Amino acid sequence: MPVSIAWSTPGAALLATSAAVDGGFATAVAAFIISAIMVIVAGLWRPLGNAVARIPAPLANAMLAGVLLGLCLAPVRAVAVDPASGLAIFVVWALVARVRPLLAVPAAVLVALALLVLVVDLPAIEIGSVMPAPVFVMPNFGLAALGLAIPLFIVTMASQNIPGIAVLNVNGYRPAPGPLFTATGLFSLVTAPFGAHAVNLAAITAALCAGKDAHPDPERRYWAAIMAGVFYIVFGLFAGAATALVSAAPPVLIEAVAGLALLGAFGGAVMGAVAEERDRQAAIVTFIVTASGLTFAGVSGAFWGLIAGGAIYWLSRAGKAGKGAT
């Protein structure tokens, strides 16, 4: 199966916007460890896995579409901000897609890289340490660490692990959630002392790897997840150079390529969300709440979209059941 593993982007956002904790980064590392242990326990607790597996397909599709909408709008924004570069990326993608759809996104990436070379002043970039070395940090456990670990755990589960399972389900894959949660929790536990805040299931990357654009044969799409992992490692080993280049580049170029790569996944999610008329209202509510970018209590809109849409979904069925009983 194309199970994709990444890091918790919402978790990083939570940490970036949180106030400094007593004890500094050592306390944060302790929070990473506690959060990892909580993820492991969640994976071993069967009711949670069963609950994730029972998420209705229309709501999962609607949630995925809401998550992807912002990125899929990026090519349009790129044309508005930088017409020449945005149109060059879009035209090459469209022309190659007519001949070899699987090569359309790689062609767009090559165009974006060429534009980066022309736009970015490479000699002026401060690359720093091209090959960063891992540094062990002694954790500082306490109430402050626990106070940071709990929201990090909730955000990672609600905004990464649960949507990651939903994306796989939408594309026809039905892995047992518990073992995946446990495995990512174990990796988080190993990497936490070196400053990694969370290892978890990917959501957007999973949409790329599990969809038809990765390979026409569903049984061959796991190679997309493998190659994604390989490139994550390469970028990790050369994090200094990669971060400096991406930071110096116009964001619209990077986002435009990502948006084009996700159009197929977005279209499939929308079709799956509204296919059943009786579930359409619940799916639309899920989509709107998710796409709104709502963040409440540190948890992203993907989770709240599922909650809101799930409420409409179950209320509609409860109402129909009541009418049937009378």
C-alpha atoms as a PDB file:
ATOM      1  CA  MET A   1       0.000   0.000   0.000  1.00  0.00           C
ATOM      2  CA  PRO A   2       1.176   3.563  -0.677  1.00  0.00           C
ATOM      3  CA  VAL A   3       1.451   4.450   3.011  1.00  0.00           C
ATOM      4  CA  SER A   4       3.251   7.789   3.194  1.00  0.00           C
ATOM      5  CA  ILE A   5       5.098   8.951   6.298  1.00  0.00           C
ATOM      6  CA  ALA A   6       6.047  12.560   6.968  1.00  0.00           C
ATOM      7  CA  TRP A   7       6.279  15.022   9.833  1.00  0.00           C
ATOM      8  CA  SER A   8       3.479  16.930  11.537  1.00  0.00           C
ATOM      9  CA  THR A   9       3.144  20.251   9.727  1.00  0.00           C
ATOM     10  CA  PRO A  10       0.238  21.344  11.981  1.00  0.00           C
ATOM     11  CA  GLY A  11       2.377  20.256  14.930  1.00  0.00           C
ATOM     12  CA  ALA A  12       5.198  22.493  13.742  1.00  0.00           C
ATOM     13  CA  ALA A  13       2.739  25.373  13.352  1.00  0.00           C
ATOM     14  CA  LEU A  14       1.465  24.756  16.883  1.00  0.00           C
ATOM     15  CA  LEU A  15       5.003  24.844  18.269  1.00  0.00           C
ATOM     16  CA  ALA A  16       5.891  27.944  16.287  1.00  0.00           C
ATOM     17  CA  THR A  17       2.913  29.868  17.641  1.00  0.00           C
ATOM     18  CA  SER A  18       3.176  28.616  21.234  1.00  0.00           C
ATOM     19  CA  ALA A  19       4.770  30.685  23.957  1.00  0.00           C
ATOM     20  CA  ALA A  20       8.230  29.675  25.118  1.00  0.00           C
ATOM     21  CA  VAL A  21       8.063  26.968  27.795  1.00  0.00           C
ATOM     22  CA  ASP A  22      10.015  26.830  31.032  1.00  0.00           C
ATOM     23  CA  GLY A  23      13.195  24.855  30.467  1.00  0.00           C
ATOM     24  CA  GLY A  24      13.561  25.830  26.810  1.00  0.00           C
ATOM     25  CA  PHE A  25      14.057  23.325  24.021  1.00  0.00           C
ATOM     26  CA  ALA A  26      14.886  20.506  26.454  1.00  0.00           C
ATOM     27  CA  THR A  27      11.328  20.779  27.782  1.00  0.00           C
ATOM     28  CA  ALA A  28      10.011  20.742  24.214  1.00  0.00           C
ATOM     29  CA  VAL A  29      11.965  17.542  23.541  1.00  0.00           C
ATOM     30  CA  ALA A  30      10.368  15.978  26.623  1.00  0.00           C
ATOM     31  CA  ALA A  31       6.992  16.993  25.180  1.00  0.00           C
ATOM     32  CA  PHE A  32       7.915  15.277  21.900  1.00  0.00           C
ATOM     33  CA  ILE A  33       8.670  12.065  23.806  1.00  0.00           C
ATOM     34  CA  ILE A  34       5.431  12.188  25.817  1.00  0.00           C
ATOM     35  CA  SER A  35       3.413  12.880  22.658  1.00  0.00           C
ATOM     36  CA  ALA A  36       5.081   9.910  20.913  1.00  0.00           C
ATOM     37  CA  ILE A  37       4.150   7.610  23.796  1.00  0.00           C
ATOM     38  CA  MET A  38       0.550   8.834  23.606  1.00  0.00           C
ATOM     39  CA  VAL A  39       0.436   8.053  19.862  1.00  0.00           C
ATOM     40  CA  ILE A  40       1.740   4.540  20.562  1.00  0.00           C
ATOM     41  CA  VAL A  41      -0.976   4.000  23.174  1.00  0.00           C
ATOM     42  CA  ALA A  42      -3.602   5.323  20.736  1.00  0.00           C
ATOM     43  CA  GLY A  43      -2.398   2.799  18.153  1.00  0.00           C
ATOM     44  CA  LEU A  44      -2.654  -0.058  20.617  1.00  0.00           C
ATOM     45  CA  TRP A  45      -6.147   1.013  21.729  1.00  0.00           C
ATOM     46  CA  ARG A  46      -8.494  -0.821  19.355  1.00  0.00           C
ATOM     47  CA  PRO A  47     -11.600   1.436  19.748  1.00  0.00           C
ATOM     48  CA  LEU A  48      -9.716   4.367  18.215  1.00  0.00           C
ATOM     49  CA  GLY A  49      -8.683   2.318  15.192  1.00  0.00           C
ATOM     50  CA  ASN A  50     -12.250   1.096  14.758  1.00  0.00           C
ATOM     51  CA  ALA A  51     -13.577   4.654  14.964  1.00  0.00           C
ATOM     52  CA  VAL A  52     -11.168   5.836  12.259  1.00  0.00           C
ATOM     53  CA  ALA A  53     -12.110   2.916  10.003  1.00  0.00           C
ATOM     54  CA  ARG A  54     -15.812   3.852  10.271  1.00  0.00           C
ATOM     55  CA  ILE A  55     -15.433   7.384   8.881  1.00  0.00           C
ATOM     56  CA  PRO A  56     -18.002   7.559   6.017  1.00  0.00           C
ATOM     57  CA  ALA A  57     -16.429   7.728   2.549  1.00  0.00           C
ATOM     58  CA  PRO A  58     -18.308  10.916   1.462  1.00  0.00           C
ATOM     59  CA  LEU A  59     -17.045  12.778   4.536  1.00  0.00           C
ATOM     60  CA  ALA A  60     -13.490  11.503   4.049  1.00  0.00           C
ATOM     61  CA  ASN A  61     -13.584  12.638   0.410  1.00  0.00           C
ATOM     62  CA  ALA A  62     -15.018  16.025   1.365  1.00  0.00           C
ATOM     63  CA  MET A  63     -12.353  16.507   4.041  1.00  0.00           C
ATOM     64  CA  LEU A  64      -9.605  15.643   1.546  1.00  0.00           C
ATOM     65  CA  ALA A  65     -11.055  18.063  -1.018  1.00  0.00           C
ATOM     66  CA  GLY A  66     -11.145  20.818   1.600  1.00  0.00           C
ATOM     67  CA  VAL A  67      -7.537  20.180   2.574  1.00  0.00           C
ATOM     68  CA  LEU A  68      -6.412  20.273  -1.061  1.00  0.00           C
ATOM     69  CA  LEU A  69      -8.443  23.289  -2.205  1.00  0.00           C
ATOM     70  CA  GLY A  70      -5.980  25.934  -1.042  1.00  0.00           C
ATOM     71  CA  LEU A  71      -3.043  24.286  -2.800  1.00  0.00           C
ATOM     72  CA  CYS A  72      -5.048  23.655  -5.971  1.00  0.00           C
ATOM     73  CA  LEU A  73      -5.742  27.400  -6.174  1.00  0.00           C
ATOM     74  CA  ALA A  74      -1.999  28.125  -6.072  1.00  0.00           C
ATOM     75  CA  PRO A  75      -1.417  27.917  -9.867  1.00  0.00           C
ATOM     76  CA  VAL A  76      -4.053  30.625 -10.395  1.00  0.00           C
ATOM     77  CA  ARG A  77      -2.454  32.803  -7.726  1.00  0.00           C
ATOM     78  CA  ALA A  78       0.942  32.233  -9.335  1.00  0.00           C
ATOM     79  CA  VAL A  79      -0.338  33.558 -12.675  1.00  0.00           C
ATOM     80  CA  ALA A  80      -1.792  36.600 -10.909  1.00  0.00           C
ATOM     81  CA  VAL A  81       1.426  37.360  -9.002  1.00  0.00           C
ATOM     82  CA  ASP A  82       3.972  36.427 -11.697  1.00  0.00           C
ATOM     83  CA  PRO A  83       2.181  35.952 -15.041  1.00  0.00           C
ATOM     84  CA  ALA A  84       5.248  34.930 -17.058  1.00  0.00           C
ATOM     85  CA  SER A  85       6.495  32.276 -14.625  1.00  0.00           C
ATOM     86  CA  GLY A  86       3.025  31.035 -13.659  1.00  0.00           C
ATOM     87  CA  LEU A  87       1.912  30.667 -17.276  1.00  0.00           C
ATOM     88  CA  ALA A  88       5.173  28.960 -18.268  1.00  0.00           C
ATOM     89  CA  ILE A  89       4.676  26.288 -15.594  1.00  0.00           C
ATOM     90  CA  PHE A  90       0.983  25.848 -16.447  1.00  0.00           C
ATOM     91  CA  VAL A  91       1.463  25.696 -20.246  1.00  0.00           C
ATOM     92  CA  VAL A  92       4.257  23.110 -20.038  1.00  0.00           C
ATOM     93  CA  TRP A  93       2.184  21.011 -17.627  1.00  0.00           C
ATOM     94  CA  ALA A  94      -0.886  21.169 -19.905  1.00  0.00           C
ATOM     95  CA  LEU A  95       1.032  20.334 -23.092  1.00  0.00           C
ATOM     96  CA  VAL A  96       2.913  17.377 -21.583  1.00  0.00           C
ATOM     97  CA  ALA A  97      -0.302  16.116 -19.957  1.00  0.00           C
ATOM     98  CA  ARG A  98      -1.832  15.786 -23.421  1.00  0.00           C
ATOM     99  CA  VAL A  99       0.946  13.377 -24.459  1.00  0.00           C
ATOM    100  CA  ARG A 100       2.145  11.659 -21.252  1.00  0.00           C
ATOM    101  CA  PRO A 101       0.029  12.526 -18.178  1.00  0.00           C
ATOM    102  CA  LEU A 102       2.501  10.872 -15.770  1.00  0.00           C
ATOM    103  CA  LEU A 103       5.286  13.178 -16.978  1.00  0.00           C
ATOM    104  CA  ALA A 104       3.257  16.393 -16.723  1.00  0.00           C
ATOM    105  CA  VAL A 105       4.161  17.207 -13.122  1.00  0.00           C
ATOM    106  CA  PRO A 106       7.888  16.314 -13.479  1.00  0.00           C
ATOM    107  CA  ALA A 107       7.974  18.613 -16.532  1.00  0.00           C
ATOM    108  CA  ALA A 108       6.408  21.415 -14.490  1.00  0.00           C
ATOM    109  CA  VAL A 109       8.993  20.810 -11.748  1.00  0.00           C
ATOM    110  CA  LEU A 110      11.837  21.151 -14.265  1.00  0.00           C
ATOM    111  CA  VAL A 111      10.399  24.428 -15.529  1.00  0.00           C
ATOM    112  CA  ALA A 112      10.072  25.705 -11.954  1.00  0.00           C
ATOM    113  CA  LEU A 113      13.686  24.734 -11.206  1.00  0.00           C
ATOM    114  CA  ALA A 114      14.859  26.526 -14.339  1.00  0.00           C
ATOM    115  CA  LEU A 115      12.934  29.625 -13.284  1.00  0.00           C
ATOM    116  CA  LEU A 116      14.458  29.409  -9.807  1.00  0.00           C
ATOM    117  CA  VAL A 117      17.952  29.443 -11.287  1.00  0.00           C
ATOM    118  CA  LEU A 118      17.036  32.562 -13.261  1.00  0.00           C
ATOM    119  CA  VAL A 119      15.237  34.344 -10.419  1.00  0.00           C
ATOM    120  CA  VAL A 120      17.269  33.404  -7.337  1.00  0.00           C
ATOM    121  CA  ASP A 121      20.708  34.887  -6.742  1.00  0.00           C
ATOM    122  CA  LEU A 122      22.438  31.564  -5.957  1.00  0.00           C
ATOM    123  CA  PRO A 123      25.859  32.994  -4.912  1.00  0.00           C
ATOM    124  CA  ALA A 124      24.134  35.205  -2.350  1.00  0.00           C
ATOM    125  CA  ILE A 125      22.448  32.280  -0.579  1.00  0.00           C
ATOM    126  CA  GLU A 126      23.905  31.390   2.797  1.00  0.00           C
ATOM    127  CA  ILE A 127      23.778  27.613   2.653  1.00  0.00           C
ATOM    128  CA  GLY A 128      25.398  27.067   6.042  1.00  0.00           C
ATOM    129  CA  SER A 129      25.824  23.425   6.993  1.00  0.00           C
ATOM    130  CA  VAL A 130      24.995  21.407   3.889  1.00  0.00           C
ATOM    131  CA  MET A 131      25.084  18.106   5.826  1.00  0.00           C
ATOM    132  CA  PRO A 132      23.533  18.762   9.249  1.00  0.00           C
ATOM    133  CA  ALA A 133      24.562  16.400  12.045  1.00  0.00           C
ATOM    134  CA  PRO A 134      22.080  15.026  14.618  1.00  0.00           C
ATOM    135  CA  VAL A 135      22.486  16.462  18.109  1.00  0.00           C
ATOM    136  CA  PHE A 136      21.138  14.638  21.177  1.00  0.00           C
ATOM    137  CA  VAL A 137      19.137  16.798  23.574  1.00  0.00           C
ATOM    138  CA  MET A 138      18.613  15.663  27.167  1.00  0.00           C
ATOM    139  CA  PRO A 139      14.848  15.997  27.828  1.00  0.00           C
ATOM    140  CA  ASN A 140      13.537  18.032  30.738  1.00  0.00           C
ATOM    141  CA  PHE A 141      10.326  16.381  31.970  1.00  0.00           C
ATOM    142  CA  GLY A 142       7.743  18.275  33.995  1.00  0.00           C
ATOM    143  CA  LEU A 143       4.284  19.816  33.911  1.00  0.00           C
ATOM    144  CA  ALA A 144       5.349  22.276  31.223  1.00  0.00           C
ATOM    145  CA  ALA A 145       6.336  19.379  28.952  1.00  0.00           C
ATOM    146  CA  LEU A 146       3.006  17.637  29.571  1.00  0.00           C
ATOM    147  CA  GLY A 147       1.128  20.848  28.821  1.00  0.00           C
ATOM    148  CA  LEU A 148       2.824  21.042  25.423  1.00  0.00           C
ATOM    149  CA  ALA A 149       2.627  17.301  24.688  1.00  0.00           C
ATOM    150  CA  ILE A 150      -1.165  17.015  24.948  1.00  0.00           C
ATOM    151  CA  PRO A 151      -2.043  19.609  22.253  1.00  0.00           C
ATOM    152  CA  LEU A 152       0.791  18.278  20.061  1.00  0.00           C
ATOM    153  CA  PHE A 153      -0.691  14.784  20.331  1.00  0.00           C
ATOM    154  CA  ILE A 154      -4.205  16.006  19.529  1.00  0.00           C
ATOM    155  CA  VAL A 155      -3.044  18.061  16.547  1.00  0.00           C
ATOM    156  CA  THR A 156      -0.927  15.214  15.159  1.00  0.00           C
ATOM    157  CA  MET A 157      -3.731  12.682  15.460  1.00  0.00           C
ATOM    158  CA  ALA A 158      -6.530  14.982  14.284  1.00  0.00           C
ATOM    159  CA  SER A 159      -4.694  16.787  11.474  1.00  0.00           C
ATOM    160  CA  GLN A 160      -2.284  14.121  10.212  1.00  0.00           C
ATOM    161  CA  ASN A 161      -2.906  10.520  11.263  1.00  0.00           C
ATOM    162  CA  ILE A 162      -6.693  10.453  10.933  1.00  0.00           C
ATOM    163  CA  PRO A 163      -6.753  12.372   7.599  1.00  0.00           C
ATOM    164  CA  GLY A 164      -3.894  10.145   6.395  1.00  0.00           C
ATOM    165  CA  ILE A 165      -5.998   7.021   6.979  1.00  0.00           C
ATOM    166  CA  ALA A 166      -9.000   8.731   5.379  1.00  0.00           C
ATOM    167  CA  VAL A 167      -6.988   9.550   2.241  1.00  0.00           C
ATOM    168  CA  LEU A 168      -5.935   5.903   1.902  1.00  0.00           C
ATOM    169  CA  ASN A 169      -9.530   4.753   2.391  1.00  0.00           C
ATOM    170  CA  VAL A 170     -10.763   7.188  -0.256  1.00  0.00           C
ATOM    171  CA  ASN A 171      -8.374   5.626  -2.771  1.00  0.00           C
ATOM    172  CA  GLY A 172      -9.463   2.078  -1.998  1.00  0.00           C
ATOM    173  CA  TYR A 173      -6.844   1.064   0.576  1.00  0.00           C
ATOM    174  CA  ARG A 174      -7.996  -0.237   3.951  1.00  0.00           C
ATOM    175  CA  PRO A 175      -4.999  -0.601   6.262  1.00  0.00           C
ATOM    176  CA  ALA A 176      -5.514  -1.315   9.955  1.00  0.00           C
ATOM    177  CA  PRO A 177      -5.035   2.123  11.584  1.00  0.00           C
ATOM    178  CA  GLY A 178      -3.706   0.842  14.926  1.00  0.00           C
ATOM    179  CA  PRO A 179      -0.413  -0.681  13.699  1.00  0.00           C
ATOM    180  CA  LEU A 180       0.312   2.389  11.567  1.00  0.00           C
ATOM    181  CA  PHE A 181      -0.259   4.748  14.495  1.00  0.00           C
ATOM    182  CA  THR A 182       1.930   2.560  16.720  1.00  0.00           C
ATOM    183  CA  ALA A 183       4.733   2.398  14.136  1.00  0.00           C
ATOM    184  CA  THR A 184       4.796   6.172  13.629  1.00  0.00           C
ATOM    185  CA  GLY A 185       4.710   6.655  17.405  1.00  0.00           C
ATOM    186  CA  LEU A 186       7.750   4.387  17.794  1.00  0.00           C
ATOM    187  CA  PHE A 187       9.663   6.341  15.141  1.00  0.00           C
ATOM    188  CA  SER A 188       8.674   9.569  16.894  1.00  0.00           C
ATOM    189  CA  LEU A 189       9.987   8.159  20.172  1.00  0.00           C
ATOM    190  CA  VAL A 190      13.359   7.311  18.588  1.00  0.00           C
ATOM    191  CA  THR A 191      13.797  10.663  16.824  1.00  0.00           C
ATOM    192  CA  ALA A 192      12.381  12.945  19.550  1.00  0.00           C
ATOM    193  CA  PRO A 193      15.659  13.211  21.537  1.00  0.00           C
ATOM    194  CA  PHE A 194      17.241  14.645  18.376  1.00  0.00           C
ATOM    195  CA  GLY A 195      14.643  17.405  18.070  1.00  0.00           C
ATOM    196  CA  ALA A 196      12.055  15.800  15.755  1.00  0.00           C
ATOM    197  CA  HIS A 197       8.625  16.864  17.000  1.00  0.00           C
ATOM    198  CA  ALA A 198       6.514  14.119  15.376  1.00  0.00           C
ATOM    199  CA  VAL A 199       6.626  11.403  12.729  1.00  0.00           C
ATOM    200  CA  ASN A 200       3.179  10.560  11.405  1.00  0.00           C
ATOM    201  CA  LEU A 201       1.045   9.544   8.441  1.00  0.00           C
ATOM    202  CA  ALA A 202       1.115  12.031   5.598  1.00  0.00           C
ATOM    203  CA  ALA A 203      -2.124  13.517   4.283  1.00  0.00           C
ATOM    204  CA  ILE A 204      -1.325  15.676   1.235  1.00  0.00           C
ATOM    205  CA  THR A 205       1.658  13.511   0.250  1.00  0.00           C
ATOM    206  CA  ALA A 206      -0.597  10.480   0.651  1.00  0.00           C
ATOM    207  CA  ALA A 207      -3.058  12.029  -1.800  1.00  0.00           C
ATOM    208  CA  LEU A 208      -0.253  12.265  -4.344  1.00  0.00           C
ATOM    209  CA  CYS A 209       1.012   8.723  -3.785  1.00  0.00           C
ATOM    210  CA  ALA A 210      -2.315   6.890  -3.483  1.00  0.00           C
ATOM    211  CA  GLY A 211      -4.162   8.445  -6.427  1.00  0.00           C
ATOM    212  CA  LYS A 212      -4.409   7.378 -10.062  1.00  0.00           C
ATOM    213  CA  ASP A 213      -1.725   9.859 -11.111  1.00  0.00           C
ATOM    214  CA  ALA A 214       0.870   7.852  -9.164  1.00  0.00           C
ATOM    215  CA  HIS A 215       0.196   4.700 -11.246  1.00  0.00           C
ATOM    216  CA  PRO A 216      -2.828   3.276 -13.104  1.00  0.00           C
ATOM    217  CA  ASP A 217      -2.424   0.003 -11.196  1.00  0.00           C
ATOM    218  CA  PRO A 218      -3.373   0.434  -7.498  1.00  0.00           C
ATOM    219  CA  GLU A 219      -1.032  -2.420  -6.565  1.00  0.00           C
ATOM    220  CA  ARG A 220       1.967  -0.503  -7.971  1.00  0.00           C
ATOM    221  CA  ARG A 221       1.383   2.828  -6.275  1.00  0.00           C
ATOM    222  CA  TYR A 222       3.442   1.879  -3.245  1.00  0.00           C
ATOM    223  CA  TRP A 223       6.501   2.835  -5.324  1.00  0.00           C
ATOM    224  CA  ALA A 224       5.343   6.452  -5.181  1.00  0.00           C
ATOM    225  CA  ALA A 225       5.425   6.326  -1.372  1.00  0.00           C
ATOM    226  CA  ILE A 226       8.877   4.702  -1.462  1.00  0.00           C
ATOM    227  CA  MET A 227      10.266   7.379  -3.773  1.00  0.00           C
ATOM    228  CA  ALA A 228       8.676  10.115  -1.651  1.00  0.00           C
ATOM    229  CA  GLY A 229      10.538   8.674   1.330  1.00  0.00           C
ATOM    230  CA  VAL A 230      13.802   8.545  -0.624  1.00  0.00           C
ATOM    231  CA  PHE A 231      13.522  12.199  -1.588  1.00  0.00           C
ATOM    232  CA  TYR A 232      12.602  13.153   1.986  1.00  0.00           C
ATOM    233  CA  ILE A 233      15.884  11.547   3.079  1.00  0.00           C
ATOM    234  CA  VAL A 234      17.857  13.345   0.353  1.00  0.00           C
ATOM    235  CA  PHE A 235      16.364  16.707   1.291  1.00  0.00           C
ATOM    236  CA  GLY A 236      16.983  15.922   4.955  1.00  0.00           C
ATOM    237  CA  LEU A 237      20.656  15.158   4.346  1.00  0.00           C
ATOM    238  CA  PHE A 238      21.026  18.410   2.415  1.00  0.00           C
ATOM    239  CA  ALA A 239      18.606  20.408   4.546  1.00  0.00           C
ATOM    240  CA  GLY A 240      20.847  23.475   4.688  1.00  0.00           C
ATOM    241  CA  ALA A 241      21.059  23.868   0.926  1.00  0.00           C
ATOM    242  CA  ALA A 242      17.430  22.881   0.259  1.00  0.00           C
ATOM    243  CA  THR A 243      16.022  25.231   2.905  1.00  0.00           C
ATOM    244  CA  ALA A 244      18.126  28.141   1.698  1.00  0.00           C
ATOM    245  CA  LEU A 245      17.080  27.629  -1.941  1.00  0.00           C
ATOM    246  CA  VAL A 246      13.368  27.253  -1.193  1.00  0.00           C
ATOM    247  CA  SER A 247      13.427  30.208   1.216  1.00  0.00           C
ATOM    248  CA  ALA A 248      15.052  32.415  -1.398  1.00  0.00           C
ATOM    249  CA  ALA A 249      12.633  31.355  -4.143  1.00  0.00           C
ATOM    250  CA  PRO A 250       9.289  33.065  -4.783  1.00  0.00           C
ATOM    251  CA  PRO A 251       6.732  30.944  -2.864  1.00  0.00           C
ATOM    252  CA  VAL A 252       4.244  31.057  -5.752  1.00  0.00           C
ATOM    253  CA  LEU A 253       6.528  28.943  -7.956  1.00  0.00           C
ATOM    254  CA  ILE A 254       6.751  26.112  -5.427  1.00  0.00           C
ATOM    255  CA  GLU A 255       3.040  26.282  -4.631  1.00  0.00           C
ATOM    256  CA  ALA A 256       2.042  26.351  -8.312  1.00  0.00           C
ATOM    257  CA  VAL A 257       3.772  23.035  -9.026  1.00  0.00           C
ATOM    258  CA  ALA A 258       2.266  21.459  -5.906  1.00  0.00           C
ATOM    259  CA  GLY A 259      -1.196  22.657  -6.904  1.00  0.00           C
ATOM    260  CA  LEU A 260      -0.942  21.176 -10.395  1.00  0.00           C
ATOM    261  CA  ALA A 261       0.217  17.850  -8.954  1.00  0.00           C
ATOM    262  CA  LEU A 262      -2.857  17.714  -6.704  1.00  0.00           C
ATOM    263  CA  LEU A 263      -5.557  18.588  -9.255  1.00  0.00           C
ATOM    264  CA  GLY A 264      -6.302  14.937 -10.005  1.00  0.00           C
ATOM    265  CA  ALA A 265      -6.592  14.064  -6.328  1.00  0.00           C
ATOM    266  CA  PHE A 266      -8.840  17.078  -5.742  1.00  0.00           C
ATOM    267  CA  GLY A 267     -11.158  16.167  -8.620  1.00  0.00           C
ATOM    268  CA  GLY A 268     -11.486  12.572  -7.441  1.00  0.00           C
ATOM    269  CA  ALA A 269     -12.227  13.696  -3.886  1.00  0.00           C
ATOM    270  CA  VAL A 270     -14.954  16.115  -5.019  1.00  0.00           C
ATOM    271  CA  MET A 271     -16.629  13.449  -7.155  1.00  0.00           C
ATOM    272  CA  GLY A 272     -16.518  10.951  -4.284  1.00  0.00           C
ATOM    273  CA  ALA A 273     -17.908  13.499  -1.828  1.00  0.00           C
ATOM    274  CA  VAL A 274     -21.049  14.393  -3.800  1.00  0.00           C
ATOM    275  CA  ALA A 275     -21.721  11.073  -5.544  1.00  0.00           C
ATOM    276  CA  GLU A 276     -24.457  10.027  -3.088  1.00  0.00           C
ATOM    277  CA  GLU A 277     -27.318  12.538  -2.975  1.00  0.00           C
ATOM    278  CA  ARG A 278     -28.430  11.572   0.532  1.00  0.00           C
ATOM    279  CA  ASP A 279     -24.973  12.348   1.959  1.00  0.00           C
ATOM    280  CA  ARG A 280     -24.336  15.457  -0.127  1.00  0.00           C
ATOM    281  CA  GLN A 281     -25.299  18.007   2.522  1.00  0.00           C
ATOM    282  CA  ALA A 282     -23.050  16.426   5.154  1.00  0.00           C
ATOM    283  CA  ALA A 283     -20.199  16.254   2.637  1.00  0.00           C
ATOM    284  CA  ILE A 284     -20.609  19.918   1.669  1.00  0.00           C
ATOM    285  CA  VAL A 285     -20.540  20.971   5.339  1.00  0.00           C
ATOM    286  CA  THR A 286     -17.373  18.920   5.834  1.00  0.00           C
ATOM    287  CA  PHE A 287     -15.781  20.501   2.763  1.00  0.00           C
ATOM    288  CA  ILE A 288     -16.671  24.095   3.715  1.00  0.00           C
ATOM    289  CA  VAL A 289     -15.471  23.806   7.312  1.00  0.00           C
ATOM    290  CA  THR A 290     -12.245  22.097   6.252  1.00  0.00           C
ATOM    291  CA  ALA A 291     -11.516  24.552   3.428  1.00  0.00           C
ATOM    292  CA  SER A 292     -12.256  27.557   5.651  1.00  0.00           C
ATOM    293  CA  GLY A 293      -8.894  27.174   7.352  1.00  0.00           C
ATOM    294  CA  LEU A 294     -10.580  27.229  10.747  1.00  0.00           C
ATOM    295  CA  THR A 295      -8.225  26.513  13.620  1.00  0.00           C
ATOM    296  CA  PHE A 296      -9.752  26.095  17.059  1.00  0.00           C
ATOM    297  CA  ALA A 297      -7.957  24.944  20.214  1.00  0.00           C
ATOM    298  CA  GLY A 298      -4.856  24.382  18.098  1.00  0.00           C
ATOM    299  CA  VAL A 299      -6.607  21.778  15.903  1.00  0.00           C
ATOM    300  CA  SER A 300      -6.934  22.356  12.153  1.00  0.00           C
ATOM    301  CA  GLY A 301     -10.092  22.538  10.083  1.00  0.00           C
ATOM    302  CA  ALA A 302      -9.726  18.961   8.796  1.00  0.00           C
ATOM    303  CA  PHE A 303     -10.733  17.620  12.205  1.00  0.00           C
ATOM    304  CA  TRP A 304     -13.532  20.137  12.764  1.00  0.00           C
ATOM    305  CA  GLY A 305     -14.791  19.511   9.243  1.00  0.00           C
ATOM    306  CA  LEU A 306     -15.205  15.841  10.079  1.00  0.00           C
ATOM    307  CA  ILE A 307     -16.950  16.716  13.348  1.00  0.00           C
ATOM    308  CA  ALA A 308     -19.386  19.145  11.696  1.00  0.00           C
ATOM    309  CA  GLY A 309     -20.075  16.933   8.694  1.00  0.00           C
ATOM    310  CA  GLY A 310     -20.338  13.868  10.907  1.00  0.00           C
ATOM    311  CA  ALA A 311     -22.992  15.584  13.023  1.00  0.00           C
ATOM    312  CA  ILE A 312     -25.071  16.354   9.919  1.00  0.00           C
ATOM    313  CA  TYR A 313     -24.484  12.818   8.617  1.00  0.00           C
ATOM    314  CA  TRP A 314     -25.685  11.074  11.764  1.00  0.00           C
ATOM    315  CA  LEU A 315     -28.567  13.511  12.329  1.00  0.00           C
ATOM    316  CA  SER A 316     -29.902  12.818   8.835  1.00  0.00           C
ATOM    317  CA  ARG A 317     -29.754   9.083   9.429  1.00  0.00           C
ATOM    318  CA  ALA A 318     -31.282   9.363  12.889  1.00  0.00           C
ATOM    319  CA  GLY A 319     -34.143  11.392  11.442  1.00  0.00           C
ATOM    320  CA  LYS A 320     -34.798   8.834   8.729  1.00  0.00           C
ATOM    321  CA  ALA A 321     -34.634   6.016  11.253  1.00  0.00           C
ATOM    322  CA  GLY A 322     -37.180   7.842  13.437  1.00  0.00           C
ATOM    323  CA  LYS A 323     -39.577   8.280  10.529  1.00  0.00           C
ATOM    324  CA  GLY A 324     -39.194   4.600   9.645  1.00  0.00           C
ATOM    325  CA  ALA A 325     -40.039   3.602  13.207  1.00  0.00           C
ATOM    326  CA  THR A 326     -43.246   5.660  13.224  1.00  0.00           C
END
